[in-house]
Amino acid sequence: MSIRLLIADDHPVVRAGLVGLLACESGLEVVGEADSGTAAVRLAAELRPDVVLMDLRMPGLDGVDATARIAAECPGVRVLILTTYDTDSNIVRAVEAGAAGYLLKDATPAALAAAIRSAADGETVLPPLIAAKLVHHMRNPAPEKPTARELDVLALVAQGLTNAAIGRRLHISETTVKTHLVRVFAKLDVDDRTAAVTVAMRRRLLTDVFGT
């Protein structure tokens, strides 16, 4: 019997490419496409695919939160993260959410097909580089916490202010704002502003600003 797949990615070109690629693989059948995490959860419940190929960054409900929902609500549906992001925090969050594996989008077609088959068979799919990052994260202590000033900057980022506007608000140069953000990214193990705010709020580092 064919392995039934649901592809979740907010980029139409990427989804089309994956559909075309996997159509050439025997024993694999794409039964649905989702353009958001919310749609992925809904379609996983409706279609009950064997494997969901899940992008990490999507509008609204992201890939990790969608994975957690599917793991909780659709027993037996395996989620394989397929993304361009390979930071330790992303990998750990995905695994903790219940992902069956974590694959980068530069994987070869053969590697992708093999990963899907392994996930469908109940195996955990972690390529050597990803496994090494996961082990490194587990063996090393938590990174240094952001300073009060760095959190001030991040709180204003969360409110949608630009670097220039943040500089004016805090009476510091735009270069200093960028320096604070670079340090925050390193301490939170992220690579962009949205991820930094998300992680900081999850760790309740911005409670003084948002009261949650």
N, C-alpha and C. Protein backbone atom coordinates (compact mmCIF):
# COMPACT_ATOMS: atom_id res chain seq x y z
N MET A 1 0.84 -1.19 0.00
CA MET A 1 0.00 0.00 0.00
C MET A 1 0.87 1.25 0.00
N SER A 2 0.37 2.30 -0.63
CA SER A 2 1.13 3.55 -0.71
C SER A 2 1.16 4.26 0.63
N ILE A 3 2.25 4.99 0.86
CA ILE A 3 2.35 5.86 2.03
C ILE A 3 1.65 7.17 1.67
N ARG A 4 0.65 7.54 2.43
CA ARG A 4 -0.15 8.71 2.14
C ARG A 4 0.47 9.95 2.81
N LEU A 5 0.67 11.00 2.01
CA LEU A 5 1.39 12.19 2.48
C LEU A 5 0.53 13.44 2.46
N LEU A 6 0.75 14.28 3.47
CA LEU A 6 0.21 15.63 3.49
C LEU A 6 1.40 16.59 3.50
N ILE A 7 1.41 17.54 2.58
CA ILE A 7 2.50 18.50 2.49
C ILE A 7 2.03 19.84 3.04
N ALA A 8 2.75 20.35 4.05
CA ALA A 8 2.39 21.63 4.66
C ALA A 8 3.54 22.63 4.47
N ASP A 9 3.31 23.62 3.64
CA ASP A 9 4.31 24.66 3.37
C ASP A 9 3.56 25.88 2.85
N ASP A 10 3.93 27.07 3.32
CA ASP A 10 3.19 28.26 2.91
C ASP A 10 3.64 28.81 1.56
N HIS A 11 4.65 28.20 0.94
CA HIS A 11 5.11 28.65 -0.38
C HIS A 11 4.56 27.74 -1.47
N PRO A 12 3.68 28.24 -2.34
CA PRO A 12 3.08 27.40 -3.38
C PRO A 12 4.10 26.73 -4.28
N VAL A 13 5.18 27.42 -4.61
CA VAL A 13 6.19 26.84 -5.49
C VAL A 13 6.87 25.65 -4.82
N VAL A 14 7.13 25.78 -3.52
CA VAL A 14 7.75 24.68 -2.79
C VAL A 14 6.81 23.48 -2.75
N ARG A 15 5.54 23.74 -2.45
CA ARG A 15 4.57 22.63 -2.41
C ARG A 15 4.49 21.94 -3.77
N ALA A 16 4.41 22.73 -4.83
CA ALA A 16 4.32 22.15 -6.17
C ALA A 16 5.56 21.33 -6.49
N GLY A 17 6.71 21.84 -6.08
CA GLY A 17 7.95 21.11 -6.33
C GLY A 17 7.98 19.78 -5.59
N LEU A 18 7.52 19.79 -4.35
CA LEU A 18 7.51 18.55 -3.58
C LEU A 18 6.51 17.55 -4.15
N VAL A 19 5.36 18.05 -4.57
CA VAL A 19 4.36 17.16 -5.17
C VAL A 19 4.94 16.50 -6.42
N GLY A 20 5.57 17.32 -7.28
CA GLY A 20 6.15 16.77 -8.49
C GLY A 20 7.27 15.80 -8.22
N LEU A 21 8.09 16.12 -7.23
CA LEU A 21 9.20 15.25 -6.88
C LEU A 21 8.73 13.91 -6.34
N LEU A 22 7.79 13.95 -5.43
CA LEU A 22 7.33 12.73 -4.77
C LEU A 22 6.44 11.88 -5.67
N ALA A 23 5.86 12.50 -6.70
CA ALA A 23 5.05 11.75 -7.65
C ALA A 23 5.89 10.73 -8.41
N CYS A 24 7.17 11.00 -8.47
CA CYS A 24 8.09 10.10 -9.19
C CYS A 24 8.53 8.92 -8.33
N GLU A 25 8.19 8.95 -7.06
CA GLU A 25 8.61 7.88 -6.15
C GLU A 25 7.49 6.84 -6.00
N SER A 26 7.83 5.61 -6.25
CA SER A 26 6.83 4.55 -6.12
C SER A 26 6.47 4.35 -4.65
N GLY A 27 5.21 4.09 -4.42
CA GLY A 27 4.77 3.82 -3.06
C GLY A 27 4.47 5.05 -2.23
N LEU A 28 4.58 6.25 -2.83
CA LEU A 28 4.27 7.48 -2.12
C LEU A 28 3.13 8.19 -2.83
N GLU A 29 2.16 8.67 -2.06
CA GLU A 29 0.99 9.34 -2.64
C GLU A 29 0.67 10.61 -1.85
N VAL A 30 0.70 11.76 -2.52
CA VAL A 30 0.32 13.01 -1.87
C VAL A 30 -1.20 13.12 -1.88
N VAL A 31 -1.80 13.17 -0.69
CA VAL A 31 -3.26 13.20 -0.59
C VAL A 31 -3.79 14.58 -0.22
N GLY A 32 -2.89 15.50 0.13
CA GLY A 32 -3.35 16.84 0.51
C GLY A 32 -2.22 17.83 0.63
N GLU A 33 -2.58 19.12 0.54
CA GLU A 33 -1.62 20.21 0.68
C GLU A 33 -2.19 21.24 1.63
N ALA A 34 -1.33 21.78 2.50
CA ALA A 34 -1.74 22.81 3.46
C ALA A 34 -0.81 24.01 3.34
N ASP A 35 -1.38 25.21 3.42
CA ASP A 35 -0.57 26.42 3.28
C ASP A 35 -0.32 27.12 4.61
N SER A 36 -0.68 26.46 5.71
CA SER A 36 -0.46 27.03 7.04
C SER A 36 -0.48 25.91 8.07
N GLY A 37 0.00 26.23 9.28
CA GLY A 37 -0.05 25.24 10.34
C GLY A 37 -1.48 24.88 10.71
N THR A 38 -2.35 25.87 10.72
CA THR A 38 -3.76 25.62 11.05
C THR A 38 -4.39 24.67 10.05
N ALA A 39 -4.13 24.91 8.77
CA ALA A 39 -4.66 24.03 7.72
C ALA A 39 -4.07 22.64 7.84
N ALA A 40 -2.81 22.54 8.22
CA ALA A 40 -2.17 21.23 8.37
C ALA A 40 -2.85 20.40 9.45
N VAL A 41 -3.17 21.05 10.57
CA VAL A 41 -3.85 20.34 11.66
C VAL A 41 -5.23 19.86 11.21
N ARG A 42 -5.95 20.75 10.52
CA ARG A 42 -7.30 20.39 10.06
C ARG A 42 -7.26 19.23 9.06
N LEU A 43 -6.35 19.32 8.09
CA LEU A 43 -6.28 18.29 7.06
C LEU A 43 -5.74 16.97 7.60
N ALA A 44 -4.85 17.05 8.58
CA ALA A 44 -4.35 15.82 9.18
C ALA A 44 -5.50 15.06 9.85
N ALA A 45 -6.39 15.80 10.48
CA ALA A 45 -7.54 15.17 11.13
C ALA A 45 -8.53 14.62 10.11
N GLU A 46 -8.69 15.33 8.99
CA GLU A 46 -9.65 14.89 7.97
C GLU A 46 -9.12 13.74 7.13
N LEU A 47 -7.86 13.82 6.72
CA LEU A 47 -7.31 12.87 5.76
C LEU A 47 -6.58 11.70 6.40
N ARG A 48 -6.12 11.89 7.63
CA ARG A 48 -5.35 10.87 8.33
C ARG A 48 -4.22 10.30 7.46
N PRO A 49 -3.31 11.16 7.02
CA PRO A 49 -2.18 10.68 6.22
C PRO A 49 -1.24 9.86 7.10
N ASP A 50 -0.35 9.14 6.46
CA ASP A 50 0.66 8.40 7.22
C ASP A 50 1.76 9.34 7.70
N VAL A 51 2.12 10.29 6.83
CA VAL A 51 3.21 11.23 7.15
C VAL A 51 2.81 12.63 6.72
N VAL A 52 3.14 13.61 7.57
CA VAL A 52 2.99 15.02 7.21
C VAL A 52 4.38 15.61 7.03
N LEU A 53 4.64 16.18 5.85
CA LEU A 53 5.88 16.94 5.64
C LEU A 53 5.58 18.36 6.07
N MET A 54 6.22 18.81 7.16
CA MET A 54 5.83 20.07 7.79
C MET A 54 6.95 21.11 7.71
N ASP A 55 6.63 22.25 7.10
CA ASP A 55 7.55 23.38 7.12
C ASP A 55 7.57 23.95 8.54
N LEU A 56 8.69 24.59 8.89
CA LEU A 56 8.82 25.09 10.26
C LEU A 56 8.21 26.47 10.43
N ARG A 57 8.49 27.38 9.50
CA ARG A 57 8.02 28.76 9.62
C ARG A 57 6.83 28.99 8.70
N MET A 58 5.67 29.18 9.30
CA MET A 58 4.46 29.47 8.53
C MET A 58 3.65 30.51 9.29
N PRO A 59 2.81 31.26 8.59
CA PRO A 59 2.01 32.28 9.27
C PRO A 59 1.01 31.67 10.23
N GLY A 60 0.70 32.42 11.29
CA GLY A 60 -0.26 31.91 12.26
C GLY A 60 0.38 30.81 13.10
N LEU A 61 -0.19 29.64 13.06
CA LEU A 61 0.31 28.48 13.80
C LEU A 61 1.57 27.97 13.10
N ASP A 62 2.72 28.00 13.80
CA ASP A 62 3.94 27.57 13.13
C ASP A 62 4.05 26.05 13.10
N GLY A 63 5.11 25.55 12.45
CA GLY A 63 5.25 24.11 12.25
C GLY A 63 5.38 23.33 13.54
N VAL A 64 6.07 23.90 14.53
CA VAL A 64 6.24 23.19 15.80
C VAL A 64 4.91 23.07 16.54
N ASP A 65 4.18 24.17 16.62
CA ASP A 65 2.88 24.12 17.31
C ASP A 65 1.89 23.22 16.57
N ALA A 66 1.94 23.25 15.24
CA ALA A 66 1.08 22.36 14.45
C ALA A 66 1.45 20.90 14.69
N THR A 67 2.75 20.64 14.80
CA THR A 67 3.21 19.28 15.07
C THR A 67 2.69 18.78 16.41
N ALA A 68 2.76 19.63 17.42
CA ALA A 68 2.27 19.26 18.75
C ALA A 68 0.77 18.95 18.71
N ARG A 69 0.03 19.77 17.96
CA ARG A 69 -1.43 19.55 17.85
C ARG A 69 -1.71 18.21 17.16
N ILE A 70 -1.00 17.96 16.08
CA ILE A 70 -1.23 16.72 15.33
C ILE A 70 -0.85 15.51 16.19
N ALA A 71 0.28 15.61 16.90
CA ALA A 71 0.71 14.50 17.75
C ALA A 71 -0.34 14.19 18.81
N ALA A 72 -0.98 15.25 19.33
CA ALA A 72 -1.96 15.06 20.39
C ALA A 72 -3.32 14.61 19.87
N GLU A 73 -3.70 15.12 18.69
CA GLU A 73 -5.05 14.89 18.19
C GLU A 73 -5.15 13.80 17.14
N CYS A 74 -4.04 13.41 16.53
CA CYS A 74 -4.07 12.42 15.44
C CYS A 74 -3.05 11.32 15.69
N PRO A 75 -3.28 10.46 16.66
CA PRO A 75 -2.34 9.37 16.93
C PRO A 75 -2.10 8.54 15.67
N GLY A 76 -0.85 8.21 15.45
CA GLY A 76 -0.52 7.40 14.27
C GLY A 76 -0.07 8.21 13.08
N VAL A 77 -0.38 9.51 13.07
CA VAL A 77 0.10 10.38 11.99
C VAL A 77 1.49 10.87 12.36
N ARG A 78 2.46 10.58 11.52
CA ARG A 78 3.85 10.94 11.80
C ARG A 78 4.18 12.28 11.12
N VAL A 79 4.87 13.14 11.83
CA VAL A 79 5.23 14.45 11.28
C VAL A 79 6.73 14.52 11.06
N LEU A 80 7.11 14.83 9.83
CA LEU A 80 8.52 14.99 9.47
C LEU A 80 8.75 16.46 9.13
N ILE A 81 9.55 17.13 9.94
CA ILE A 81 9.86 18.54 9.69
C ILE A 81 10.78 18.65 8.48
N LEU A 82 10.44 19.53 7.55
CA LEU A 82 11.26 19.78 6.37
C LEU A 82 11.45 21.29 6.27
N THR A 83 12.66 21.77 6.55
CA THR A 83 12.88 23.19 6.72
C THR A 83 14.26 23.61 6.26
N THR A 84 14.48 24.92 6.23
CA THR A 84 15.82 25.45 5.94
C THR A 84 16.56 25.82 7.22
N TYR A 85 15.87 25.77 8.37
CA TYR A 85 16.44 26.24 9.63
C TYR A 85 17.04 25.08 10.41
N ASP A 86 18.31 25.24 10.82
CA ASP A 86 18.99 24.14 11.52
C ASP A 86 19.55 24.56 12.88
N THR A 87 18.99 25.61 13.50
CA THR A 87 19.47 26.01 14.82
C THR A 87 19.05 24.99 15.87
N ASP A 88 19.87 24.90 16.92
CA ASP A 88 19.61 23.91 17.97
C ASP A 88 18.22 24.05 18.56
N SER A 89 17.81 25.29 18.81
CA SER A 89 16.52 25.51 19.47
C SER A 89 15.36 25.01 18.60
N ASN A 90 15.45 25.22 17.30
CA ASN A 90 14.39 24.74 16.41
C ASN A 90 14.30 23.22 16.43
N ILE A 91 15.45 22.58 16.40
CA ILE A 91 15.48 21.11 16.41
C ILE A 91 14.89 20.57 17.71
N VAL A 92 15.34 21.13 18.83
CA VAL A 92 14.85 20.66 20.12
C VAL A 92 13.34 20.88 20.25
N ARG A 93 12.86 22.06 19.86
CA ARG A 93 11.43 22.34 19.94
C ARG A 93 10.62 21.34 19.11
N ALA A 94 11.12 21.03 17.91
CA ALA A 94 10.40 20.11 17.04
C ALA A 94 10.34 18.71 17.63
N VAL A 95 11.46 18.24 18.14
CA VAL A 95 11.51 16.90 18.74
C VAL A 95 10.63 16.85 19.97
N GLU A 96 10.69 17.89 20.80
CA GLU A 96 9.85 17.92 22.00
C GLU A 96 8.37 17.97 21.65
N ALA A 97 8.03 18.55 20.51
CA ALA A 97 6.63 18.63 20.08
C ALA A 97 6.11 17.31 19.56
N GLY A 98 7.02 16.36 19.30
CA GLY A 98 6.59 15.05 18.84
C GLY A 98 6.93 14.73 17.40
N ALA A 99 7.78 15.53 16.77
CA ALA A 99 8.15 15.26 15.38
C ALA A 99 8.88 13.92 15.26
N ALA A 100 8.59 13.20 14.20
CA ALA A 100 9.24 11.91 13.95
C ALA A 100 10.62 12.10 13.35
N GLY A 101 10.90 13.30 12.89
CA GLY A 101 12.21 13.56 12.29
C GLY A 101 12.35 15.00 11.88
N TYR A 102 13.56 15.35 11.48
CA TYR A 102 13.89 16.74 11.15
C TYR A 102 14.85 16.69 9.98
N LEU A 103 14.41 17.22 8.85
CA LEU A 103 15.19 17.15 7.62
C LEU A 103 15.32 18.55 7.03
N LEU A 104 16.49 18.85 6.45
CA LEU A 104 16.69 20.14 5.81
C LEU A 104 16.31 20.08 4.34
N LYS A 105 15.91 21.22 3.79
CA LYS A 105 15.42 21.26 2.42
C LYS A 105 16.51 21.08 1.37
N ASP A 106 17.77 21.05 1.80
CA ASP A 106 18.83 20.75 0.84
C ASP A 106 19.09 19.25 0.72
N ALA A 107 18.24 18.44 1.37
CA ALA A 107 18.37 16.99 1.26
C ALA A 107 18.13 16.54 -0.18
N THR A 108 18.77 15.47 -0.59
CA THR A 108 18.56 14.93 -1.94
C THR A 108 17.18 14.30 -2.03
N PRO A 109 16.64 14.18 -3.24
CA PRO A 109 15.35 13.50 -3.39
C PRO A 109 15.35 12.10 -2.81
N ALA A 110 16.46 11.38 -3.00
CA ALA A 110 16.54 10.02 -2.47
C ALA A 110 16.50 10.03 -0.95
N ALA A 111 17.20 10.99 -0.33
CA ALA A 111 17.22 11.09 1.13
C ALA A 111 15.84 11.45 1.67
N LEU A 112 15.13 12.35 0.96
CA LEU A 112 13.78 12.73 1.38
C LEU A 112 12.83 11.54 1.32
N ALA A 113 12.87 10.80 0.22
CA ALA A 113 12.00 9.64 0.07
C ALA A 113 12.31 8.59 1.14
N ALA A 114 13.60 8.38 1.40
CA ALA A 114 13.99 7.40 2.42
C ALA A 114 13.52 7.85 3.80
N ALA A 115 13.61 9.16 4.08
CA ALA A 115 13.17 9.68 5.37
C ALA A 115 11.67 9.49 5.55
N ILE A 116 10.91 9.72 4.50
CA ILE A 116 9.46 9.54 4.56
C ILE A 116 9.13 8.08 4.86
N ARG A 117 9.79 7.18 4.19
CA ARG A 117 9.53 5.75 4.40
C ARG A 117 9.91 5.34 5.82
N SER A 118 11.03 5.86 6.31
CA SER A 118 11.47 5.54 7.67
C SER A 118 10.47 6.08 8.70
N ALA A 119 10.02 7.32 8.49
CA ALA A 119 9.04 7.91 9.40
C ALA A 119 7.75 7.10 9.41
N ALA A 120 7.30 6.68 8.23
CA ALA A 120 6.07 5.89 8.13
C ALA A 120 6.23 4.54 8.84
N ASP A 121 7.46 4.04 8.88
CA ASP A 121 7.73 2.76 9.55
C ASP A 121 7.89 2.91 11.06
N GLY A 122 7.75 4.14 11.54
CA GLY A 122 7.85 4.35 12.98
C GLY A 122 9.23 4.69 13.48
N GLU A 123 10.16 4.94 12.57
CA GLU A 123 11.52 5.27 12.97
C GLU A 123 11.68 6.77 13.18
N THR A 124 12.69 7.15 13.94
CA THR A 124 13.03 8.55 14.12
C THR A 124 14.07 8.93 13.09
N VAL A 125 13.83 10.02 12.38
CA VAL A 125 14.69 10.42 11.27
C VAL A 125 15.48 11.67 11.66
N LEU A 126 16.75 11.50 11.96
CA LEU A 126 17.63 12.60 12.30
C LEU A 126 18.97 12.40 11.57
N PRO A 127 19.18 13.12 10.47
CA PRO A 127 20.45 13.03 9.77
C PRO A 127 21.61 13.34 10.72
N PRO A 128 22.82 12.88 10.42
CA PRO A 128 23.96 13.06 11.34
C PRO A 128 24.17 14.49 11.82
N LEU A 129 24.08 15.48 10.93
CA LEU A 129 24.29 16.86 11.33
C LEU A 129 23.24 17.31 12.34
N ILE A 130 21.99 16.95 12.09
CA ILE A 130 20.91 17.33 13.00
C ILE A 130 21.04 16.61 14.33
N ALA A 131 21.39 15.33 14.28
CA ALA A 131 21.57 14.56 15.52
C ALA A 131 22.71 15.15 16.35
N ALA A 132 23.77 15.57 15.68
CA ALA A 132 24.91 16.15 16.39
C ALA A 132 24.52 17.45 17.09
N LYS A 133 23.72 18.28 16.41
CA LYS A 133 23.27 19.52 17.01
C LYS A 133 22.37 19.25 18.22
N LEU A 134 21.53 18.24 18.11
CA LEU A 134 20.64 17.89 19.22
C LEU A 134 21.45 17.43 20.43
N VAL A 135 22.45 16.59 20.19
CA VAL A 135 23.31 16.10 21.28
C VAL A 135 24.08 17.26 21.90
N HIS A 136 24.60 18.15 21.05
CA HIS A 136 25.35 19.31 21.55
C HIS A 136 24.48 20.17 22.46
N HIS A 137 23.25 20.39 22.03
CA HIS A 137 22.32 21.20 22.83
C HIS A 137 22.06 20.55 24.18
N MET A 138 21.91 19.24 24.19
CA MET A 138 21.60 18.52 25.42
C MET A 138 22.79 18.49 26.38
N ARG A 139 23.99 18.49 25.82
CA ARG A 139 25.19 18.36 26.66
C ARG A 139 25.70 19.69 27.20
N ASN A 140 25.23 20.78 26.60
CA ASN A 140 25.74 22.09 27.00
C ASN A 140 24.71 22.83 27.84
N PRO A 141 25.17 23.62 28.81
CA PRO A 141 24.23 24.35 29.67
C PRO A 141 23.47 25.40 28.89
N ALA A 142 22.40 25.87 29.46
CA ALA A 142 21.59 26.90 28.81
C ALA A 142 22.43 28.15 28.57
N PRO A 143 22.19 28.82 27.46
CA PRO A 143 22.96 30.02 27.15
C PRO A 143 22.69 31.14 28.16
N GLU A 144 23.59 32.10 28.17
CA GLU A 144 23.45 33.26 29.05
C GLU A 144 22.13 33.98 28.77
N LYS A 145 21.49 34.44 29.84
CA LYS A 145 20.22 35.14 29.68
C LYS A 145 20.45 36.55 29.14
N PRO A 146 19.51 37.07 28.36
CA PRO A 146 19.62 38.45 27.88
C PRO A 146 19.63 39.44 29.04
N THR A 147 20.34 40.54 28.85
CA THR A 147 20.37 41.59 29.86
C THR A 147 19.06 42.38 29.84
N ALA A 148 18.89 43.22 30.84
CA ALA A 148 17.68 44.04 30.91
C ALA A 148 17.57 44.95 29.69
N ARG A 149 18.69 45.54 29.27
CA ARG A 149 18.66 46.43 28.11
C ARG A 149 18.34 45.65 26.84
N GLU A 150 18.89 44.46 26.71
CA GLU A 150 18.60 43.63 25.53
C GLU A 150 17.12 43.27 25.48
N LEU A 151 16.54 43.02 26.64
CA LEU A 151 15.10 42.72 26.70
C LEU A 151 14.27 43.96 26.40
N ASP A 152 14.76 45.14 26.79
CA ASP A 152 14.08 46.38 26.43
C ASP A 152 13.98 46.50 24.92
N VAL A 153 15.10 46.22 24.25
CA VAL A 153 15.13 46.29 22.79
C VAL A 153 14.19 45.25 22.19
N LEU A 154 14.24 44.03 22.71
CA LEU A 154 13.41 42.96 22.16
C LEU A 154 11.92 43.24 22.38
N ALA A 155 11.59 43.85 23.50
CA ALA A 155 10.19 44.19 23.77
C ALA A 155 9.67 45.18 22.73
N LEU A 156 10.51 46.11 22.33
CA LEU A 156 10.10 47.08 21.30
C LEU A 156 10.03 46.43 19.93
N VAL A 157 10.89 45.45 19.69
CA VAL A 157 10.78 44.66 18.46
C VAL A 157 9.42 43.96 18.42
N ALA A 158 9.03 43.41 19.56
CA ALA A 158 7.74 42.71 19.65
C ALA A 158 6.57 43.63 19.37
N GLN A 159 6.76 44.93 19.64
CA GLN A 159 5.70 45.91 19.38
C GLN A 159 5.72 46.40 17.94
N GLY A 160 6.66 45.88 17.14
CA GLY A 160 6.70 46.21 15.72
C GLY A 160 7.57 47.40 15.35
N LEU A 161 8.37 47.91 16.27
CA LEU A 161 9.21 49.06 15.96
C LEU A 161 10.44 48.66 15.14
N THR A 162 10.86 49.55 14.29
CA THR A 162 12.09 49.34 13.52
C THR A 162 13.30 49.64 14.40
N ASN A 163 14.48 49.26 13.91
CA ASN A 163 15.70 49.54 14.67
C ASN A 163 15.86 51.04 14.91
N ALA A 164 15.57 51.82 13.89
CA ALA A 164 15.71 53.27 14.03
C ALA A 164 14.75 53.81 15.09
N ALA A 165 13.51 53.33 15.07
CA ALA A 165 12.52 53.78 16.05
C ALA A 165 12.89 53.35 17.47
N ILE A 166 13.43 52.14 17.57
CA ILE A 166 13.88 51.65 18.89
C ILE A 166 15.00 52.53 19.42
N GLY A 167 15.93 52.89 18.54
CA GLY A 167 17.03 53.76 18.94
C GLY A 167 16.53 55.09 19.48
N ARG A 168 15.55 55.67 18.78
CA ARG A 168 14.99 56.95 19.24
C ARG A 168 14.29 56.79 20.59
N ARG A 169 13.56 55.70 20.74
CA ARG A 169 12.81 55.49 21.98
C ARG A 169 13.75 55.31 23.18
N LEU A 170 14.86 54.59 22.96
CA LEU A 170 15.78 54.29 24.06
C LEU A 170 16.97 55.25 24.12
N HIS A 171 16.99 56.20 23.19
CA HIS A 171 18.07 57.19 23.15
C HIS A 171 19.44 56.54 22.95
N ILE A 172 19.47 55.58 22.03
CA ILE A 172 20.73 54.93 21.66
C ILE A 172 20.81 54.92 20.14
N SER A 173 22.00 54.65 19.61
CA SER A 173 22.18 54.65 18.16
C SER A 173 21.58 53.39 17.54
N GLU A 174 21.28 53.46 16.25
CA GLU A 174 20.75 52.30 15.55
C GLU A 174 21.77 51.16 15.55
N THR A 175 23.05 51.51 15.48
CA THR A 175 24.10 50.49 15.53
C THR A 175 24.08 49.75 16.86
N THR A 176 23.85 50.48 17.93
CA THR A 176 23.77 49.85 19.25
C THR A 176 22.56 48.92 19.33
N VAL A 177 21.46 49.33 18.73
CA VAL A 177 20.27 48.47 18.68
C VAL A 177 20.61 47.16 17.99
N LYS A 178 21.29 47.26 16.84
CA LYS A 178 21.66 46.05 16.10
C LYS A 178 22.58 45.16 16.93
N THR A 179 23.49 45.77 17.67
CA THR A 179 24.40 45.00 18.51
C THR A 179 23.63 44.24 19.59
N HIS A 180 22.68 44.92 20.22
CA HIS A 180 21.85 44.25 21.23
C HIS A 180 21.09 43.07 20.61
N LEU A 181 20.56 43.25 19.41
CA LEU A 181 19.80 42.19 18.78
C LEU A 181 20.68 41.00 18.43
N VAL A 182 21.86 41.26 17.93
CA VAL A 182 22.79 40.17 17.61
C VAL A 182 23.08 39.34 18.86
N ARG A 183 23.28 40.03 19.98
CA ARG A 183 23.56 39.33 21.24
C ARG A 183 22.34 38.54 21.71
N VAL A 184 21.16 39.12 21.54
CA VAL A 184 19.93 38.41 21.93
C VAL A 184 19.75 37.16 21.08
N PHE A 185 19.98 37.28 19.77
CA PHE A 185 19.84 36.12 18.89
C PHE A 185 20.76 34.98 19.35
N ALA A 186 22.00 35.34 19.70
CA ALA A 186 22.96 34.33 20.13
C ALA A 186 22.53 33.68 21.45
N LYS A 187 22.05 34.49 22.38
CA LYS A 187 21.65 33.96 23.69
C LYS A 187 20.39 33.10 23.61
N LEU A 188 19.51 33.44 22.68
CA LEU A 188 18.27 32.66 22.54
C LEU A 188 18.41 31.57 21.48
N ASP A 189 19.57 31.53 20.82
CA ASP A 189 19.84 30.52 19.79
C ASP A 189 18.81 30.58 18.67
N VAL A 190 18.62 31.79 18.13
CA VAL A 190 17.70 31.99 17.01
C VAL A 190 18.42 32.78 15.93
N ASP A 191 17.75 32.94 14.80
CA ASP A 191 18.42 33.64 13.70
C ASP A 191 17.59 34.77 13.10
N ASP A 192 16.49 35.15 13.74
CA ASP A 192 15.74 36.30 13.24
C ASP A 192 14.88 36.91 14.35
N ARG A 193 14.32 38.08 14.07
CA ARG A 193 13.57 38.85 15.06
C ARG A 193 12.31 38.12 15.53
N THR A 194 11.57 37.53 14.59
CA THR A 194 10.33 36.85 14.95
C THR A 194 10.61 35.68 15.89
N ALA A 195 11.63 34.91 15.57
CA ALA A 195 11.97 33.76 16.41
C ALA A 195 12.42 34.22 17.79
N ALA A 196 13.16 35.33 17.85
CA ALA A 196 13.63 35.85 19.13
C ALA A 196 12.46 36.23 20.03
N VAL A 197 11.48 36.93 19.47
CA VAL A 197 10.30 37.32 20.25
C VAL A 197 9.52 36.08 20.69
N THR A 198 9.35 35.12 19.79
CA THR A 198 8.61 33.91 20.11
C THR A 198 9.26 33.15 21.26
N VAL A 199 10.57 32.95 21.17
CA VAL A 199 11.29 32.21 22.21
C VAL A 199 11.26 32.98 23.53
N ALA A 200 11.46 34.30 23.47
CA ALA A 200 11.45 35.11 24.69
C ALA A 200 10.09 35.05 25.39
N MET A 201 9.03 35.08 24.62
CA MET A 201 7.69 35.02 25.23
C MET A 201 7.42 33.62 25.78
N ARG A 202 7.90 32.60 25.06
CA ARG A 202 7.71 31.23 25.56
C ARG A 202 8.45 31.04 26.88
N ARG A 203 9.61 31.68 27.01
CA ARG A 203 10.38 31.57 28.26
C ARG A 203 9.94 32.60 29.30
N ARG A 204 8.92 33.37 28.95
CA ARG A 204 8.35 34.36 29.86
C ARG A 204 9.38 35.43 30.24
N LEU A 205 10.20 35.81 29.26
CA LEU A 205 11.20 36.84 29.49
C LEU A 205 10.64 38.24 29.27
N LEU A 206 9.47 38.33 28.64
CA LEU A 206 8.88 39.63 28.36
C LEU A 206 7.62 39.88 29.15
N THR A 207 7.52 39.24 30.31
CA THR A 207 6.29 39.35 31.10
C THR A 207 6.05 40.77 31.60
N ASP A 208 7.12 41.53 31.85
CA ASP A 208 6.93 42.90 32.32
C ASP A 208 6.28 43.79 31.28
N VAL A 209 6.43 43.39 30.01
CA VAL A 209 5.89 44.19 28.92
C VAL A 209 4.47 43.76 28.58
N PHE A 210 4.26 42.43 28.50
CA PHE A 210 2.96 41.93 28.03
C PHE A 210 2.10 41.38 29.16
N GLY A 211 2.67 41.22 30.34
CA GLY A 211 1.89 40.78 31.50
C GLY A 211 1.40 39.37 31.43
N THR A 212 2.10 38.50 30.68
CA THR A 212 1.68 37.08 30.61
C THR A 212 2.84 36.18 30.90
